[in-house]
């Protein structure tokens, strides 16, 4: 994925959009965040890695990718960016492919989301995606745990300022 390699691009100052994710205070483990830089120094996405305590490894990655982000562009059968990041964090180099998708309605507070469940050849990975009203694609990839409706109630808009650098 050449768009992840930093050439002479500046580290992005941060996103210009709120990030929909689980509040760090609600996660009983370690949390890391990454910004995807564009060549002009703008932010083309944010992903958060939720790790389990005790060095037991990554549990989940939540990504927020705005329209136009190259990380949103996948070939037929290619896994979403967040799944690739989860596999990298797990040091799992086995080939994984998308085997299908299924749309399903889910309530998040008073909002109805049309969630796309992404079926993968690696059964231990759960993955869902949905579009926000501002055009940002949210993807959740989880290792060895199903993604249940309870998770959607924990998602909150985190202000862009939380991810600002400098």
C-alpha atoms as a PDB file:
ATOM      1  CA  UNK A   1       0.000   0.000   0.000  1.00  0.00           C
ATOM      2  CA  UNK A   2       2.110   2.837  -1.292  1.00  0.00           C
ATOM      3  CA  UNK A   3      -0.132   5.549   0.166  1.00  0.00           C
ATOM      4  CA  UNK A   4       1.092   4.574   3.660  1.00  0.00           C
ATOM      5  CA  UNK A   5       4.732   5.250   2.864  1.00  0.00           C
ATOM      6  CA  UNK A   6       5.813   8.693   3.895  1.00  0.00           C
ATOM      7  CA  UNK A   7       7.841  10.387   1.247  1.00  0.00           C
ATOM      8  CA  UNK A   8       8.314  14.087   1.854  1.00  0.00           C
ATOM      9  CA  UNK A   9       4.771  14.618   3.079  1.00  0.00           C
ATOM     10  CA  UNK A  10       4.414  16.391   6.374  1.00  0.00           C
ATOM     11  CA  UNK A  11       2.772  14.598   9.250  1.00  0.00           C
ATOM     12  CA  UNK A  12      -0.864  15.650   9.089  1.00  0.00           C
ATOM     13  CA  UNK A  13      -1.956  18.080  11.779  1.00  0.00           C
ATOM     14  CA  UNK A  14      -5.069  15.955  12.259  1.00  0.00           C
ATOM     15  CA  UNK A  15      -8.465  15.306  10.749  1.00  0.00           C
ATOM     16  CA  UNK A  16     -10.951  18.009   9.827  1.00  0.00           C
ATOM     17  CA  UNK A  17     -13.805  15.703  10.868  1.00  0.00           C
ATOM     18  CA  UNK A  18     -14.973  14.151  14.123  1.00  0.00           C
ATOM     19  CA  UNK A  19     -13.917  10.542  14.598  1.00  0.00           C
ATOM     20  CA  UNK A  20     -16.622   8.002  15.407  1.00  0.00           C
ATOM     21  CA  UNK A  21     -15.104   5.469  17.796  1.00  0.00           C
ATOM     22  CA  UNK A  22     -15.333   3.974  21.240  1.00  0.00           C
ATOM     23  CA  UNK A  23     -14.414   6.511  23.905  1.00  0.00           C
ATOM     24  CA  UNK A  24     -10.952   5.699  25.313  1.00  0.00           C
ATOM     25  CA  UNK A  25     -12.475   5.793  28.814  1.00  0.00           C
ATOM     26  CA  UNK A  26     -14.838   2.950  27.865  1.00  0.00           C
ATOM     27  CA  UNK A  27     -12.026   0.618  26.758  1.00  0.00           C
ATOM     28  CA  UNK A  28     -10.375  -1.524  29.434  1.00  0.00           C
ATOM     29  CA  UNK A  29      -7.062  -1.784  27.632  1.00  0.00           C
ATOM     30  CA  UNK A  30      -4.467   0.140  25.668  1.00  0.00           C
ATOM     31  CA  UNK A  31      -5.347   2.456  22.809  1.00  0.00           C
ATOM     32  CA  UNK A  32      -3.277   3.772  19.928  1.00  0.00           C
ATOM     33  CA  UNK A  33      -4.220   6.097  17.075  1.00  0.00           C
ATOM     34  CA  UNK A  34      -2.763   6.596  13.621  1.00  0.00           C
ATOM     35  CA  UNK A  35      -3.255   9.292  10.995  1.00  0.00           C
ATOM     36  CA  UNK A  36      -3.051   8.639   7.243  1.00  0.00           C
ATOM     37  CA  UNK A  37      -1.154  11.477   5.552  1.00  0.00           C
ATOM     38  CA  UNK A  38      -1.843  12.854   2.088  1.00  0.00           C
ATOM     39  CA  UNK A  39       1.044  14.226  -0.006  1.00  0.00           C
ATOM     40  CA  UNK A  40      -0.155  17.756   0.781  1.00  0.00           C
ATOM     41  CA  UNK A  41      -0.023  17.093   4.537  1.00  0.00           C
ATOM     42  CA  UNK A  42      -3.778  16.802   5.018  1.00  0.00           C
ATOM     43  CA  UNK A  43      -5.328  13.885   6.886  1.00  0.00           C
ATOM     44  CA  UNK A  44      -6.893  11.119   4.759  1.00  0.00           C
ATOM     45  CA  UNK A  45      -8.098   9.048   7.665  1.00  0.00           C
ATOM     46  CA  UNK A  46      -7.785   8.061  11.290  1.00  0.00           C
ATOM     47  CA  UNK A  47      -7.602   4.564  12.695  1.00  0.00           C
ATOM     48  CA  UNK A  48      -7.659   3.532  16.330  1.00  0.00           C
ATOM     49  CA  UNK A  49      -6.142   0.292  17.595  1.00  0.00           C
ATOM     50  CA  UNK A  50      -7.664  -1.145  20.752  1.00  0.00           C
ATOM     51  CA  UNK A  51      -5.306  -3.606  22.488  1.00  0.00           C
ATOM     52  CA  UNK A  52      -5.997  -5.905  25.400  1.00  0.00           C
ATOM     53  CA  UNK A  53      -4.168  -5.394  28.692  1.00  0.00           C
ATOM     54  CA  UNK A  54      -1.309  -7.672  29.622  1.00  0.00           C
ATOM     55  CA  UNK A  55       0.302  -7.741  26.194  1.00  0.00           C
ATOM     56  CA  UNK A  56      -2.376 -10.102  24.898  1.00  0.00           C
ATOM     57  CA  UNK A  57      -2.438  -8.304  21.569  1.00  0.00           C
ATOM     58  CA  UNK A  58      -4.792  -6.271  19.439  1.00  0.00           C
ATOM     59  CA  UNK A  59      -8.515  -6.797  19.761  1.00  0.00           C
ATOM     60  CA  UNK A  60     -10.046  -4.272  17.371  1.00  0.00           C
ATOM     61  CA  UNK A  61      -9.325  -1.510  14.885  1.00  0.00           C
ATOM     62  CA  UNK A  62     -11.811   1.253  14.075  1.00  0.00           C
ATOM     63  CA  UNK A  63     -11.118   3.391  11.023  1.00  0.00           C
ATOM     64  CA  UNK A  64     -12.690   6.653   9.818  1.00  0.00           C
ATOM     65  CA  UNK A  65     -11.863   7.367   6.174  1.00  0.00           C
ATOM     66  CA  UNK A  66     -13.251  10.477   4.442  1.00  0.00           C
ATOM     67  CA  UNK A  67     -14.348  10.543   0.799  1.00  0.00           C
ATOM     68  CA  UNK A  68     -11.365  10.561  -1.530  1.00  0.00           C
ATOM     69  CA  UNK A  69      -9.073   8.640   0.821  1.00  0.00           C
ATOM     70  CA  UNK A  70      -7.017   6.086  -1.146  1.00  0.00           C
ATOM     71  CA  UNK A  71      -7.394   3.673   1.783  1.00  0.00           C
ATOM     72  CA  UNK A  72     -11.079   3.309   0.813  1.00  0.00           C
ATOM     73  CA  UNK A  73     -10.198   1.983  -2.633  1.00  0.00           C
ATOM     74  CA  UNK A  74     -10.001  -1.805  -2.703  1.00  0.00           C
ATOM     75  CA  UNK A  75      -9.879  -4.329  -5.503  1.00  0.00           C
ATOM     76  CA  UNK A  76     -12.425  -7.144  -5.814  1.00  0.00           C
ATOM     77  CA  UNK A  77     -11.843  -9.580  -2.935  1.00  0.00           C
ATOM     78  CA  UNK A  78      -9.302  -7.309  -1.204  1.00  0.00           C
ATOM     79  CA  UNK A  79      -9.828  -6.761   2.535  1.00  0.00           C
ATOM     80  CA  UNK A  80     -10.599  -3.301   3.926  1.00  0.00           C
ATOM     81  CA  UNK A  81      -7.661  -1.206   5.157  1.00  0.00           C
ATOM     82  CA  UNK A  82      -8.569  -1.813   8.813  1.00  0.00           C
ATOM     83  CA  UNK A  83      -8.535  -5.593   8.365  1.00  0.00           C
ATOM     84  CA  UNK A  84      -5.088  -5.336   6.755  1.00  0.00           C
ATOM     85  CA  UNK A  85      -3.902  -3.233   9.724  1.00  0.00           C
ATOM     86  CA  UNK A  86      -5.312  -5.784  12.180  1.00  0.00           C
ATOM     87  CA  UNK A  87      -3.546  -8.637  10.383  1.00  0.00           C
ATOM     88  CA  UNK A  88      -0.312  -6.624  10.420  1.00  0.00           C
ATOM     89  CA  UNK A  89      -0.667  -5.956  14.175  1.00  0.00           C
ATOM     90  CA  UNK A  90      -1.273  -9.662  14.749  1.00  0.00           C
ATOM     91  CA  UNK A  91       1.764 -10.506  12.598  1.00  0.00           C
ATOM     92  CA  UNK A  92      -0.531 -12.764  10.596  1.00  0.00           C
ATOM     93  CA  UNK A  93       0.731 -13.056   7.021  1.00  0.00           C
ATOM     94  CA  UNK A  94      -1.784 -15.670   5.876  1.00  0.00           C
ATOM     95  CA  UNK A  95      -3.760 -14.505   2.827  1.00  0.00           C
ATOM     96  CA  UNK A  96      -7.252 -13.275   3.722  1.00  0.00           C
ATOM     97  CA  UNK A  97      -9.931 -12.359   1.203  1.00  0.00           C
ATOM     98  CA  UNK A  98     -13.431 -10.944   1.222  1.00  0.00           C
ATOM     99  CA  UNK A  99     -15.878 -13.748   0.481  1.00  0.00           C
ATOM    100  CA  UNK A 100     -19.078 -11.697   0.537  1.00  0.00           C
ATOM    101  CA  UNK A 101     -21.043  -8.855   2.096  1.00  0.00           C
ATOM    102  CA  UNK A 102     -24.431  -8.555   3.744  1.00  0.00           C
ATOM    103  CA  UNK A 103     -26.353  -5.349   4.543  1.00  0.00           C
ATOM    104  CA  UNK A 104     -28.266  -5.220   7.801  1.00  0.00           C
ATOM    105  CA  UNK A 105     -30.109  -2.476   9.733  1.00  0.00           C
ATOM    106  CA  UNK A 106     -28.744  -1.496  13.157  1.00  0.00           C
ATOM    107  CA  UNK A 107     -29.951   1.169  15.578  1.00  0.00           C
ATOM    108  CA  UNK A 108     -27.386   3.589  17.021  1.00  0.00           C
ATOM    109  CA  UNK A 109     -29.292   5.718  19.492  1.00  0.00           C
ATOM    110  CA  UNK A 110     -32.110   7.260  17.448  1.00  0.00           C
ATOM    111  CA  UNK A 111     -30.326   6.688  14.140  1.00  0.00           C
ATOM    112  CA  UNK A 112     -30.808   3.760  11.791  1.00  0.00           C
ATOM    113  CA  UNK A 113     -27.536   2.584  10.265  1.00  0.00           C
ATOM    114  CA  UNK A 114     -27.295   0.335   7.259  1.00  0.00           C
ATOM    115  CA  UNK A 115     -24.297  -1.752   8.245  1.00  0.00           C
ATOM    116  CA  UNK A 116     -22.419  -3.822   5.701  1.00  0.00           C
ATOM    117  CA  UNK A 117     -21.088  -6.998   7.303  1.00  0.00           C
ATOM    118  CA  UNK A 118     -17.958  -8.026   5.412  1.00  0.00           C
ATOM    119  CA  UNK A 119     -17.472 -11.797   5.327  1.00  0.00           C
ATOM    120  CA  UNK A 120     -13.841 -12.912   5.234  1.00  0.00           C
ATOM    121  CA  UNK A 121     -11.972 -16.140   4.518  1.00  0.00           C
ATOM    122  CA  UNK A 122     -10.447 -15.870   8.026  1.00  0.00           C
ATOM    123  CA  UNK A 123     -13.360 -16.718  10.323  1.00  0.00           C
ATOM    124  CA  UNK A 124     -11.697 -15.242  13.427  1.00  0.00           C
ATOM    125  CA  UNK A 125     -11.993 -11.718  11.994  1.00  0.00           C
ATOM    126  CA  UNK A 126     -15.299  -9.856  12.185  1.00  0.00           C
ATOM    127  CA  UNK A 127     -15.680  -6.751  10.030  1.00  0.00           C
ATOM    128  CA  UNK A 128     -18.459  -4.209   9.515  1.00  0.00           C
ATOM    129  CA  UNK A 129     -18.667  -0.935   7.598  1.00  0.00           C
ATOM    130  CA  UNK A 130     -21.124   1.934   7.420  1.00  0.00           C
ATOM    131  CA  UNK A 131     -21.224   5.395   5.895  1.00  0.00           C
ATOM    132  CA  UNK A 132     -21.770   8.470   8.031  1.00  0.00           C
ATOM    133  CA  UNK A 133     -23.958  11.344   6.843  1.00  0.00           C
ATOM    134  CA  UNK A 134     -20.810  13.455   6.257  1.00  0.00           C
ATOM    135  CA  UNK A 135     -19.375  10.899   3.803  1.00  0.00           C
ATOM    136  CA  UNK A 136     -16.850   9.335   6.205  1.00  0.00           C
ATOM    137  CA  UNK A 137     -16.650   5.529   5.978  1.00  0.00           C
ATOM    138  CA  UNK A 138     -16.407   3.814   9.374  1.00  0.00           C
ATOM    139  CA  UNK A 139     -14.928   0.309   9.459  1.00  0.00           C
ATOM    140  CA  UNK A 140     -14.609  -1.901  12.521  1.00  0.00           C
ATOM    141  CA  UNK A 141     -12.395  -4.983  12.397  1.00  0.00           C
ATOM    142  CA  UNK A 142     -12.290  -7.296  15.400  1.00  0.00           C
ATOM    143  CA  UNK A 143     -10.098 -10.306  16.156  1.00  0.00           C
ATOM    144  CA  UNK A 144     -11.651 -13.415  17.657  1.00  0.00           C
ATOM    145  CA  UNK A 145     -14.749 -11.558  18.895  1.00  0.00           C
ATOM    146  CA  UNK A 146     -18.058 -11.009  17.131  1.00  0.00           C
ATOM    147  CA  UNK A 147     -19.224  -7.437  16.560  1.00  0.00           C
ATOM    148  CA  UNK A 148     -22.564  -7.158  18.325  1.00  0.00           C
ATOM    149  CA  UNK A 149     -25.218  -4.434  18.418  1.00  0.00           C
ATOM    150  CA  UNK A 150     -23.917  -3.440  21.855  1.00  0.00           C
ATOM    151  CA  UNK A 151     -20.759  -2.057  20.262  1.00  0.00           C
ATOM    152  CA  UNK A 152     -22.715   0.472  18.185  1.00  0.00           C
ATOM    153  CA  UNK A 153     -24.133   2.001  21.385  1.00  0.00           C
ATOM    154  CA  UNK A 154     -20.559   2.599  22.609  1.00  0.00           C
ATOM    155  CA  UNK A 155     -19.556   4.542  19.478  1.00  0.00           C
ATOM    156  CA  UNK A 156     -19.325   8.271  20.078  1.00  0.00           C
ATOM    157  CA  UNK A 157     -18.082  11.182  17.993  1.00  0.00           C
ATOM    158  CA  UNK A 158     -14.659  12.094  19.346  1.00  0.00           C
ATOM    159  CA  UNK A 159     -13.711  15.701  18.493  1.00  0.00           C
ATOM    160  CA  UNK A 160     -11.060  16.194  15.804  1.00  0.00           C
ATOM    161  CA  UNK A 161      -9.021  18.211  18.329  1.00  0.00           C
ATOM    162  CA  UNK A 162      -8.277  14.977  20.213  1.00  0.00           C
ATOM    163  CA  UNK A 163      -6.197  13.867  17.222  1.00  0.00           C
ATOM    164  CA  UNK A 164      -4.483  17.187  16.441  1.00  0.00           C
ATOM    165  CA  UNK A 165      -0.707  17.205  16.512  1.00  0.00           C
ATOM    166  CA  UNK A 166       1.646  20.059  17.070  1.00  0.00           C
END
